[in-house]
PDB file of N, CA and C in Angstrom:
ATOM      1  N   MET A   1    -156.598 235.022 162.786  1.00  0.00           N
ATOM      2  CA  MET A   1    -155.460 234.733 161.896  1.00  0.00           C
ATOM      3  C   MET A   1    -155.718 235.318 160.502  1.00  0.00           C
ATOM      4  N   VAL A   2    -156.902 235.087 159.978  1.00  0.00           N
ATOM      5  CA  VAL A   2    -157.264 235.601 158.649  1.00  0.00           C
ATOM      6  C   VAL A   2    -157.260 237.130 158.659  1.00  0.00           C
ATOM      7  N   ALA A   3    -157.775 237.721 159.746  1.00  0.00           N
ATOM      8  CA  ALA A   3    -157.826 239.183 159.874  1.00  0.00           C
ATOM      9  C   ALA A   3    -156.424 239.783 159.814  1.00  0.00           C
ATOM     10  N   ILE A   4    -155.459 239.125 160.473  1.00  0.00           N
ATOM     11  CA  ILE A   4    -154.067 239.590 160.463  1.00  0.00           C
ATOM     12  C   ILE A   4    -153.518 239.550 159.034  1.00  0.00           C
ATOM     13  N   LYS A   5    -153.803 238.453 158.328  1.00  0.00           N
ATOM     14  CA  LYS A   5    -153.336 238.314 156.940  1.00  0.00           C
ATOM     15  C   LYS A   5    -153.915 239.415 156.048  1.00  0.00           C
ATOM     16  N   VAL A   6    -155.188 239.730 156.238  1.00  0.00           N
ATOM     17  CA  VAL A   6    -155.850 240.789 155.472  1.00  0.00           C
ATOM     18  C   VAL A   6    -155.184 242.135 155.759  1.00  0.00           C
ATOM     19  N   GLU A   7    -154.896 242.411 157.020  1.00  0.00           N
ATOM     20  CA  GLU A   7    -154.223 243.665 157.405  1.00  0.00           C
ATOM     21  C   GLU A   7    -152.856 243.777 156.738  1.00  0.00           C
ATOM     22  N   ILE A   8    -152.092 242.686 156.733  1.00  0.00           N
ATOM     23  CA  ILE A   8    -150.769 242.674 156.095  1.00  0.00           C
ATOM     24  C   ILE A   8    -150.902 242.944 154.596  1.00  0.00           C
ATOM     25  N   GLU A   9    -151.897 242.323 153.957  1.00  0.00           N
ATOM     26  CA  GLU A   9    -152.123 242.545 152.522  1.00  0.00           C
ATOM     27  C   GLU A   9    -152.489 244.001 152.243  1.00  0.00           C
ATOM     28  N   LYS A  10    -153.287 244.610 153.136  1.00  0.00           N
ATOM     29  CA  LYS A  10    -153.644 246.026 152.992  1.00  0.00           C
ATOM     30  C   LYS A  10    -152.402 246.904 153.090  1.00  0.00           C
ATOM     31  N   LEU A  11    -151.546 246.592 154.050  1.00  0.00           N
ATOM     32  CA  LEU A  11    -150.295 247.349 154.214  1.00  0.00           C
ATOM     33  C   LEU A  11    -149.414 247.196 152.977  1.00  0.00           C
ATOM     34  N   ASP A  12    -149.362 245.972 152.426  1.00  0.00           N
ATOM     35  CA  ASP A  12    -148.575 245.722 151.215  1.00  0.00           C
ATOM     36  C   ASP A  12    -149.054 246.582 150.046  1.00  0.00           C
ATOM     37  N   GLN A  13    -150.376 246.775 149.946  1.00  0.00           N
ATOM     38  CA  GLN A  13    -150.933 247.572 148.857  1.00  0.00           C
ATOM     39  C   GLN A  13    -150.675 249.061 149.063  1.00  0.00           C
ATOM     40  N   GLU A  14    -150.656 249.506 150.346  1.00  0.00           N
ATOM     41  CA  GLU A  14    -150.451 250.922 150.656  1.00  0.00           C
ATOM     42  C   GLU A  14    -149.044 251.390 150.305  1.00  0.00           C
ATOM     43  N   TYR A  15    -148.062 250.538 150.574  1.00  0.00           N
ATOM     44  CA  TYR A  15    -146.668 250.936 150.359  1.00  0.00           C
ATOM     45  C   TYR A  15    -146.114 250.322 149.082  1.00  0.00           C
ATOM     46  N   THR A  16    -145.321 251.096 148.378  1.00  0.00           N
ATOM     47  CA  THR A  16    -144.668 250.584 147.179  1.00  0.00           C
ATOM     48  C   THR A  16    -143.478 249.726 147.609  1.00  0.00           C
ATOM     49  N   PRO A  17    -143.027 248.796 146.762  1.00  0.00           N
ATOM     50  CA  PRO A  17    -141.879 247.958 147.122  1.00  0.00           C
ATOM     51  C   PRO A  17    -140.640 248.781 147.501  1.00  0.00           C
ATOM     52  N   GLY A  18    -140.456 249.931 146.858  1.00  0.00           N
ATOM     53  CA  GLY A  18    -139.302 250.785 147.137  1.00  0.00           C
ATOM     54  C   GLY A  18    -139.278 251.287 148.565  1.00  0.00           C
ATOM     55  N   SER A  19    -140.440 251.751 149.057  1.00  0.00           N
ATOM     56  CA  SER A  19    -140.496 252.280 150.418  1.00  0.00           C
ATOM     57  C   SER A  19    -140.361 251.148 151.443  1.00  0.00           C
ATOM     58  N   ARG A  20    -140.889 249.971 151.115  1.00  0.00           N
ATOM     59  CA  ARG A  20    -140.747 248.819 152.022  1.00  0.00           C
ATOM     60  C   ARG A  20    -139.281 248.415 152.112  1.00  0.00           C
ATOM     61  N   LYS A  21    -138.576 248.456 150.974  1.00  0.00           N
ATOM     62  CA  LYS A  21    -137.150 248.115 150.955  1.00  0.00           C
ATOM     63  C   LYS A  21    -136.369 249.102 151.822  1.00  0.00           C
ATOM     64  N   ALA A  22    -136.679 250.382 151.678  1.00  0.00           N
ATOM     65  CA  ALA A  22    -136.029 251.424 152.475  1.00  0.00           C
ATOM     66  C   ALA A  22    -136.317 251.217 153.965  1.00  0.00           C
ATOM     67  N   PHE A  23    -137.549 250.834 154.273  1.00  0.00           N
ATOM     68  CA  PHE A  23    -137.965 250.561 155.654  1.00  0.00           C
ATOM     69  C   PHE A  23    -137.130 249.438 156.264  1.00  0.00           C
ATOM     70  N   TRP A  24    -136.945 248.336 155.523  1.00  0.00           N
ATOM     71  CA  TRP A  24    -136.147 247.215 156.032  1.00  0.00           C
ATOM     72  C   TRP A  24    -134.679 247.577 156.121  1.00  0.00           C
ATOM     73  N   GLN A  25    -134.184 248.425 155.185  1.00  0.00           N
ATOM     74  CA  GLN A  25    -132.799 248.890 155.262  1.00  0.00           C
ATOM     75  C   GLN A  25    -132.599 249.704 156.530  1.00  0.00           C
ATOM     76  N   MET A  26    -133.566 250.566 156.857  1.00  0.00           N
ATOM     77  CA  MET A  26    -133.498 251.393 158.059  1.00  0.00           C
ATOM     78  C   MET A  26    -133.464 250.510 159.310  1.00  0.00           C
ATOM     79  N   ILE A  27    -134.311 249.487 159.361  1.00  0.00           N
ATOM     80  CA  ILE A  27    -134.328 248.553 160.493  1.00  0.00           C
ATOM     81  C   ILE A  27    -132.971 247.849 160.606  1.00  0.00           C
ATOM     82  N   GLY A  28    -132.417 247.439 159.481  1.00  0.00           N
ATOM     83  CA  GLY A  28    -131.118 246.777 159.459  1.00  0.00           C
ATOM     84  C   GLY A  28    -130.012 247.675 159.992  1.00  0.00           C
ATOM     85  N   ILE A  29    -130.030 248.945 159.590  1.00  0.00           N
ATOM     86  CA  ILE A  29    -129.026 249.909 160.053  1.00  0.00           C
ATOM     87  C   ILE A  29    -129.162 250.136 161.560  1.00  0.00           C
ATOM     88  N   ILE A  30    -130.401 250.296 162.039  1.00  0.00           N
ATOM     89  CA  ILE A  30    -130.644 250.485 163.481  1.00  0.00           C
ATOM     90  C   ILE A  30    -130.183 249.254 164.266  1.00  0.00           C
ATOM     91  N   ALA A  31    -130.501 248.057 163.782  1.00  0.00           N
ATOM     92  CA  ALA A  31    -130.093 246.823 164.450  1.00  0.00           C
ATOM     93  C   ALA A  31    -128.566 246.724 164.506  1.00  0.00           C
ATOM     94  N   LEU A  32    -127.906 247.047 163.413  1.00  0.00           N
ATOM     95  CA  LEU A  32    -126.445 247.035 163.348  1.00  0.00           C
ATOM     96  C   LEU A  32    -125.859 248.011 164.361  1.00  0.00           C
ATOM     97  N   PHE A  33    -126.433 249.205 164.434  1.00  0.00           N
ATOM     98  CA  PHE A  33    -126.013 250.260 165.366  1.00  0.00           C
ATOM     99  C   PHE A  33    -126.122 249.770 166.815  1.00  0.00           C
ATOM    100  N   ILE A  34    -127.252 249.121 167.154  1.00  0.00           N
ATOM    101  CA  ILE A  34    -127.471 248.581 168.502  1.00  0.00           C
ATOM    102  C   ILE A  34    -126.437 247.494 168.816  1.00  0.00           C
ATOM    103  N   ILE A  35    -126.166 246.613 167.870  1.00  0.00           N
ATOM    104  CA  ILE A  35    -125.187 245.536 168.059  1.00  0.00           C
ATOM    105  C   ILE A  35    -123.799 246.119 168.325  1.00  0.00           C
ATOM    106  N   VAL A  36    -123.413 247.138 167.568  1.00  0.00           N
ATOM    107  CA  VAL A  36    -122.113 247.795 167.759  1.00  0.00           C
ATOM    108  C   VAL A  36    -122.026 248.410 169.158  1.00  0.00           C
ATOM    109  N   ILE A  37    -123.075 249.116 169.588  1.00  0.00           N
ATOM    110  CA  ILE A  37    -123.095 249.717 170.931  1.00  0.00           C
ATOM    111  C   ILE A  37    -122.984 248.639 172.004  1.00  0.00           C
ATOM    112  N   LEU A  38    -123.739 247.554 171.870  1.00  0.00           N
ATOM    113  CA  LEU A  38    -123.672 246.455 172.837  1.00  0.00           C
ATOM    114  C   LEU A  38    -122.274 245.844 172.873  1.00  0.00           C
ATOM    115  N   ALA A  39    -121.651 245.674 171.717  1.00  0.00           N
ATOM    116  CA  ALA A  39    -120.299 245.119 171.642  1.00  0.00           C
ATOM    117  C   ALA A  39    -119.298 246.020 172.371  1.00  0.00           C
ATOM    118  N   ILE A  40    -119.431 247.333 172.212  1.00  0.00           N
ATOM    119  CA  ILE A  40    -118.557 248.296 172.899  1.00  0.00           C
ATOM    120  C   ILE A  40    -118.766 248.222 174.409  1.00  0.00           C
ATOM    121  N   ILE A  41    -120.031 248.181 174.844  1.00  0.00           N
ATOM    122  CA  ILE A  41    -120.347 248.085 176.281  1.00  0.00           C
ATOM    123  C   ILE A  41    -119.743 246.805 176.868  1.00  0.00           C
ATOM    124  N   ILE A  42    -119.899 245.681 176.172  1.00  0.00           N
ATOM    125  CA  ILE A  42    -119.357 244.401 176.643  1.00  0.00           C
ATOM    126  C   ILE A  42    -117.832 244.464 176.696  1.00  0.00           C
ATOM    127  N   ALA A  43    -117.209 245.069 175.686  1.00  0.00           N
ATOM    128  CA  ALA A  43    -115.750 245.188 175.637  1.00  0.00           C
ATOM    129  C   ALA A  43    -115.220 246.047 176.786  1.00  0.00           C
ATOM    130  N   LEU A  44    -115.958 247.098 177.145  1.00  0.00           N
ATOM    131  CA  LEU A  44    -115.530 248.003 178.224  1.00  0.00           C
ATOM    132  C   LEU A  44    -115.854 247.454 179.619  1.00  0.00           C
ATOM    133  N   ALA A  45    -116.834 246.579 179.698  1.00  0.00           N
ATOM    134  CA  ALA A  45    -117.264 246.069 181.004  1.00  0.00           C
ATOM    135  C   ALA A  45    -116.186 245.193 181.660  1.00  0.00           C
TER     136      ALA A  45
END
C-alpha cells in the first residue's frame, strides 16, 4: 500500500498540473465518445 502511494507521488512530481489536467480532459472526452457510441448502438438495436 505504501509502495503504491510512493509511486503515485513520484508520478505527481514528474508531471506538471497542466499536463495532468489535459490527461483527465482527454479521458473525459474518450469516455463521452464511448457513451455516445453505446447510446447509438442501443437506439439502433
